[in-house]
Protein backbone atom coordinates (compact mmCIF):
# COMPACT_ATOMS: atom_id res chain seq x y z
CA MET A 1 85.55 -51.21 170.31
CA ARG A 2 86.98 -53.68 167.83
CA PHE A 3 85.13 -54.60 164.67
CA GLU A 4 85.51 -56.89 161.68
CA ASN A 5 83.21 -57.00 158.67
CA ARG A 6 83.49 -59.58 155.92
CA ILE A 7 81.59 -58.71 152.77
CA THR A 8 80.87 -60.86 149.71
CA ASP A 9 80.24 -59.24 146.33
CA LEU A 10 80.78 -55.65 147.44
CA ILE A 11 79.88 -53.21 144.65
CA VAL A 12 82.02 -50.07 144.75
CA ASN A 13 82.04 -47.06 142.45
CA ALA A 14 85.69 -46.57 141.63
CA GLY A 15 88.06 -44.79 139.31
CA SER A 16 87.67 -41.72 137.18
CA PRO A 17 85.18 -41.69 135.58
CA LEU A 18 83.20 -43.59 138.22
CA ARG A 19 82.14 -47.09 137.30
CA PRO A 20 80.70 -49.95 139.37
CA VAL A 21 83.24 -52.63 140.27
CA ASN A 22 82.57 -55.93 142.05
CA VAL A 23 84.96 -56.71 144.91
CA GLY A 24 84.46 -60.45 145.41
CA GLN A 25 85.60 -60.59 149.04
CA ALA A 26 86.23 -57.55 151.25
CA ARG A 27 87.31 -57.31 154.87
CA ILE A 28 87.15 -54.19 157.02
CA LYS A 29 88.86 -54.75 160.36
CA GLY A 30 89.63 -52.09 162.94
CA THR A 31 89.13 -50.35 166.23
CA THR A 32 87.05 -47.35 167.24
CA PHE A 33 88.14 -45.28 170.22
CA SER A 34 85.72 -42.77 171.71
CA ALA A 35 85.55 -40.64 174.83
CA SER A 36 83.53 -37.77 176.22
CA ALA A 37 83.62 -35.65 179.34
CA GLU A 38 82.32 -32.42 180.76
CA ILE A 39 85.05 -30.07 181.90
CA ALA A 40 84.35 -26.61 183.32
CA GLY A 41 80.89 -26.46 181.70
CA THR A 42 82.14 -27.58 178.27
CA TRP A 43 81.15 -30.95 176.82
CA LEU A 44 84.15 -32.51 175.03
CA SER A 45 83.93 -35.59 172.84
CA GLY A 46 86.06 -37.36 170.32
CA ASN A 47 86.39 -40.52 168.31
CA LEU A 48 89.16 -42.12 166.31
CA ASN A 49 88.69 -44.97 163.84
CA ILE A 50 91.69 -47.02 162.79
CA GLN A 51 90.74 -49.58 160.16
CA ASP A 52 92.18 -51.84 157.51
CA PRO A 53 89.61 -51.81 154.66
CA LYS A 54 90.95 -54.36 152.18
CA ASP A 55 90.03 -56.36 149.14
CA ALA A 56 90.52 -59.81 150.67
CA THR A 57 91.55 -61.33 147.31
CA ASN A 58 94.51 -59.07 146.51
CA GLY A 59 95.22 -57.16 149.75
CA LEU A 60 94.67 -53.72 148.20
CA LEU A 61 92.73 -50.99 150.02
CA LEU A 62 89.07 -50.54 149.19
CA PRO A 63 88.35 -47.35 147.24
CA ARG A 64 87.68 -44.11 149.15
CA ARG A 65 88.15 -45.65 152.59
CA ALA A 66 90.78 -43.99 154.77
CA LYS A 67 92.73 -46.09 157.24
CA HIS A 68 92.33 -43.34 159.88
CA PHE A 69 89.57 -40.81 160.54
CA GLY A 70 88.11 -39.08 163.54
CA THR A 71 86.31 -36.14 165.12
CA LEU A 72 86.90 -33.84 168.08
CA SER A 73 84.14 -31.55 169.33
CA ALA A 74 83.47 -29.08 172.12
CA THR A 75 80.02 -27.72 173.05
CA ARG A 76 79.03 -25.28 175.76
CA PRO A 77 75.94 -23.34 176.78
CA ALA A 78 75.97 -19.77 175.45
CA LEU A 79 73.62 -17.14 174.02
CA GLY A 80 70.51 -18.96 175.27
CA GLY A 81 71.45 -22.23 173.54
CA ASN A 82 74.55 -24.27 172.79
CA VAL A 83 77.56 -23.22 170.75
CA GLY A 84 80.23 -25.61 169.56
CA VAL A 85 83.14 -26.39 167.31
CA GLU A 86 84.18 -29.59 165.52
CA LEU A 87 87.37 -30.80 163.92
CA TYR A 88 87.12 -33.71 161.46
CA ALA A 89 90.18 -35.36 159.94
CA ALA A 90 90.54 -38.22 157.45
CA GLY A 91 93.69 -39.85 156.12
CA ALA A 92 94.69 -40.50 152.54
CA ARG A 93 92.79 -43.04 150.47
CA TYR A 94 92.58 -44.29 146.90
CA SER A 95 89.90 -43.57 144.33
CA ASP A 96 90.37 -46.82 142.41
CA THR A 97 90.56 -50.55 143.16
CA ALA A 98 94.16 -50.79 141.84
CA ASN A 99 95.33 -48.18 144.41
CA LEU A 100 96.90 -45.99 141.71
CA GLN A 101 94.78 -42.82 142.10
CA ARG A 102 95.74 -41.49 145.55
CA MET A 103 93.54 -38.88 147.20
CA GLY A 104 95.13 -36.90 150.04
CA GLY A 105 93.85 -36.67 153.57
CA TYR A 106 92.09 -33.57 154.85
CA THR A 107 91.03 -31.75 158.00
CA LEU A 108 87.86 -29.67 158.32
CA PHE A 109 86.89 -27.16 161.00
CA SER A 110 83.21 -26.35 161.70
CA ALA A 111 81.18 -24.27 164.16
CA PHE A 112 77.52 -24.53 165.15
CA TYR A 113 74.82 -23.01 167.34
CA GLU A 114 71.37 -24.25 168.36
CA THR A 115 68.68 -22.89 170.63
CA PRO A 116 65.24 -24.12 171.69
CA LEU A 117 62.40 -22.04 170.24
CA GLY A 118 59.57 -23.77 172.11
CA ARG A 119 56.85 -26.31 171.20
CA GLY A 120 59.33 -28.83 169.79
CA LEU A 121 61.15 -26.30 167.61
CA THR A 122 64.92 -25.80 167.62
CA GLY A 123 66.71 -23.09 165.67
CA PHE A 124 70.18 -23.90 164.37
CA ALA A 125 73.05 -22.49 162.38
CA ARG A 126 76.13 -24.33 161.16
CA ALA A 127 79.24 -23.23 159.26
CA ASP A 128 81.39 -26.01 157.76
CA ASN A 129 84.90 -26.01 156.32
CA LEU A 130 85.73 -22.66 157.90
CA GLY A 131 89.34 -22.96 156.73
CA GLY A 132 88.24 -23.23 153.11
CA LYS A 133 90.12 -26.54 152.60
CA GLU A 134 90.07 -27.83 149.02
CA TYR A 135 89.51 -31.58 149.13
CA GLN A 136 87.60 -34.33 147.35
CA LEU A 137 85.52 -37.20 148.67
CA VAL A 138 85.45 -38.69 145.17
CA GLN A 139 88.25 -38.00 142.70
CA ASP A 140 87.38 -35.35 140.09
CA PHE A 141 84.17 -34.36 141.93
CA ASN A 142 84.45 -31.10 143.84
CA VAL A 143 82.82 -30.55 147.20
CA PRO A 144 81.50 -27.17 148.36
CA GLY A 145 84.02 -24.81 149.97
CA ARG A 146 82.82 -22.99 153.05
CA THR A 147 79.12 -23.55 153.68
CA VAL A 148 76.56 -22.06 156.05
CA PHE A 149 73.24 -23.68 156.97
CA VAL A 150 70.47 -22.02 158.97
CA GLY A 151 67.18 -23.66 159.80
CA VAL A 152 64.54 -24.87 162.21
CA ARG A 153 63.99 -28.47 163.31
CA TYR A 154 60.76 -29.85 164.71
CA ALA A 155 60.63 -32.83 167.08
CA PRO A 156 57.26 -33.57 168.71
CA GLY A 157 57.39 -34.11 172.46
CA PRO A 158 56.64 -37.39 174.24
């Protein structure tokens, strides 16, 4: 699917330390590719976004927006529920509007499990960044390393 967004007076938090900056005219143009299929009892899905997120006045990239990012995932029934893995990757991007503070790309690997508990309840567990990748979404602001979430969700029936 192709997309193009034109934005007037886009406020971005940029630089280090963060400060609001007005981008007078921005254009984000790109293509999203996605596919999914079930193969041998495993549900596979993926998406890839290729975009050109630019300040339309000077042609520089918008802060913290990678030109490429995507996800691959596999889910299959197991242990009375569903178990799965995900791989998320994002390309390099800049922290500032002048494109001087480059932030590297990163790849994250995650695993999850969920099982119905009855009466609209679902138990889940998720472990993110299993490889312990050190990366930043915003320059000079750390993100958690490996994380584990366990919980119960409730969704009332129809």
